[in-house]
Amino acid sequence: MNINELLVKASNGDKEAQCAIADIYADNSRVDTFNIAEAVYWYEQAAEQGHSRAQWLLGACYSQGLGVSADTEKAEFWLLKSAQSGDAEGQYSLGGFYFMLPDIVKAEYWLGLAAEQNHVEAKAALASIRQLL
């Protein structure tokens, strides 16, 4: 499916197409289509429809100030939505978010859930946290 077909589906409310078109806009190796603000727009459209990967990526954008002003409340909101849906990347990112606050209890909880899904980076981060305790 080409970008124009994806845009039509995304514009018609297809959350998978919305996330896919956002991925295209977020890919900085594609100089012809790279537009992080446009990526954030489409991630938000998909995230509002419950797309857990889009929620994770939107939360990451708010956390890092990519395409939007950094906003810790919005970052936490979207990362939490993704993590609660069982998305391992969302759980891992939320764990890292809480670690940086720092809220070690919450960080350990969410990293633990991601590690249970064999998320390699979460396992390593969890092991590091447990060495600190």
Protein backbone atom coordinates (compact mmCIF):
# COMPACT_ATOMS: atom_id res chain seq x y z
CA MET A 1 0.00 0.00 0.00
CA ASN A 2 1.43 3.38 -0.95
CA ILE A 3 1.42 6.53 1.16
CA ASN A 4 -1.57 8.03 -0.65
CA GLU A 5 -3.69 4.94 -0.01
CA LEU A 6 -2.62 4.99 3.64
CA LEU A 7 -3.56 8.66 3.93
CA VAL A 8 -7.03 7.95 2.58
CA LYS A 9 -7.56 5.11 5.06
CA ALA A 10 -6.08 7.17 7.90
CA SER A 11 -8.31 10.14 7.05
CA ASN A 12 -11.30 7.80 7.16
CA GLY A 13 -10.46 6.81 10.75
CA ASP A 14 -8.53 3.56 10.30
CA LYS A 15 -6.29 3.46 13.38
CA GLU A 16 -3.84 0.98 11.85
CA ALA A 17 -3.39 3.24 8.84
CA GLN A 18 -3.07 6.26 11.13
CA CYS A 19 -0.25 4.61 13.04
CA ALA A 20 1.41 3.42 9.83
CA ILE A 21 1.31 6.88 8.26
CA ALA A 22 2.69 8.34 11.50
CA ASP A 23 5.56 5.85 11.33
CA ILE A 24 6.35 7.05 7.82
CA TYR A 25 6.36 10.70 8.91
CA ALA A 26 8.49 9.84 11.98
CA ASP A 27 11.14 7.99 9.97
CA ASN A 28 13.99 10.49 9.68
CA SER A 29 15.76 8.32 7.10
CA ARG A 30 12.97 9.22 4.65
CA VAL A 31 13.86 12.83 3.93
CA ASP A 32 11.01 13.16 1.44
CA THR A 33 8.33 12.48 4.08
CA PHE A 34 9.98 13.19 7.45
CA ASN A 35 7.71 15.49 9.47
CA ILE A 36 7.63 14.82 13.19
CA ALA A 37 4.75 17.23 13.86
CA GLU A 38 2.65 15.37 11.28
CA ALA A 39 3.68 12.06 12.87
CA VAL A 40 2.50 13.29 16.27
CA TYR A 41 -0.85 14.30 14.74
CA TRP A 42 -1.43 10.82 13.32
CA TYR A 43 -0.15 9.03 16.44
CA GLU A 44 -2.66 11.05 18.44
CA GLN A 45 -5.49 10.10 16.09
CA ALA A 46 -4.69 6.40 16.49
CA ALA A 47 -3.94 6.70 20.22
CA GLU A 48 -7.34 8.23 20.90
CA GLN A 49 -8.88 5.14 19.30
CA GLY A 50 -6.96 2.84 21.65
CA HIS A 51 -4.02 1.87 19.43
CA SER A 52 -1.48 0.83 22.09
CA ARG A 53 1.64 1.27 19.95
CA ALA A 54 0.51 4.77 18.93
CA GLN A 55 -0.16 5.55 22.60
CA TRP A 56 3.38 4.46 23.47
CA LEU A 57 4.95 6.51 20.68
CA LEU A 58 2.81 9.56 21.43
CA GLY A 59 3.84 9.31 25.08
CA ALA A 60 7.47 9.12 23.99
CA CYS A 61 7.02 12.24 21.84
CA TYR A 62 5.59 14.17 24.80
CA SER A 63 8.32 12.83 27.08
CA GLN A 64 11.11 13.92 24.75
CA GLY A 65 9.51 17.00 23.24
CA LEU A 66 9.50 15.57 19.71
CA GLY A 67 7.08 17.43 17.46
CA VAL A 68 5.35 18.88 20.53
CA SER A 69 6.42 20.74 23.65
CA ALA A 70 7.64 18.34 26.31
CA ASP A 71 4.78 17.63 28.72
CA THR A 72 5.32 15.13 31.53
CA GLU A 73 1.59 14.87 32.33
CA LYS A 74 0.67 14.00 28.75
CA ALA A 75 3.68 11.70 28.47
CA GLU A 76 2.63 9.80 31.58
CA PHE A 77 -1.02 9.68 30.43
CA TRP A 78 -0.23 8.12 27.04
CA LEU A 79 2.52 5.82 28.30
CA LEU A 80 0.18 4.58 31.03
CA LYS A 81 -2.59 3.90 28.49
CA SER A 82 -0.19 1.85 26.39
CA ALA A 83 1.29 0.02 29.39
CA GLN A 84 -2.13 -0.81 30.81
CA SER A 85 -3.14 -2.36 27.51
CA GLY A 86 -0.24 -4.80 27.89
CA ASP A 87 2.14 -3.27 25.35
CA ALA A 88 5.66 -4.31 26.41
CA GLU A 89 7.27 -1.24 24.82
CA GLY A 90 4.80 0.99 26.63
CA GLN A 91 5.51 -0.79 29.91
CA TYR A 92 9.26 -0.48 29.39
CA SER A 93 9.01 3.21 28.50
CA LEU A 94 6.73 3.93 31.45
CA GLY A 95 9.17 2.13 33.72
CA GLY A 96 11.96 4.33 32.40
CA PHE A 97 9.77 7.41 32.79
CA TYR A 98 9.13 6.58 36.46
CA PHE A 99 12.80 5.76 37.03
CA MET A 100 13.74 9.27 35.90
CA LEU A 101 11.23 10.96 38.26
CA PRO A 102 12.47 9.01 40.39
CA ASP A 103 9.74 6.64 41.52
CA ILE A 104 11.60 3.36 41.84
CA VAL A 105 8.56 1.38 43.04
CA LYS A 106 6.51 2.25 39.94
CA ALA A 107 9.56 1.86 37.70
CA GLU A 108 10.21 -1.63 39.03
CA TYR A 109 6.55 -2.61 38.63
CA TRP A 110 6.25 -1.58 34.97
CA LEU A 111 9.69 -2.84 34.00
CA GLY A 112 8.78 -6.14 35.66
CA LEU A 113 5.66 -6.47 33.52
CA ALA A 114 7.65 -5.77 30.36
CA ALA A 115 10.36 -8.23 31.47
CA GLU A 116 7.70 -10.92 31.93
CA GLN A 117 7.01 -10.49 28.20
CA ASN A 118 10.71 -11.11 27.49
CA HIS A 119 11.49 -7.47 26.75
CA VAL A 120 15.29 -7.64 26.79
CA GLU A 121 15.96 -4.00 27.68
CA ALA A 122 13.37 -4.16 30.48
CA LYS A 123 15.09 -7.23 31.93
CA ALA A 124 18.42 -5.41 31.95
CA ALA A 125 16.94 -2.23 33.45
CA LEU A 126 15.14 -4.25 36.12
CA ALA A 127 18.36 -6.06 37.03
CA SER A 128 20.14 -2.71 37.33
CA ILE A 129 17.43 -1.30 39.58
CA ARG A 130 17.49 -4.36 41.81
CA GLN A 131 21.26 -3.96 42.24
CA LEU A 132 20.65 -0.42 43.49
CA LEU A 133 18.16 -1.57 46.12
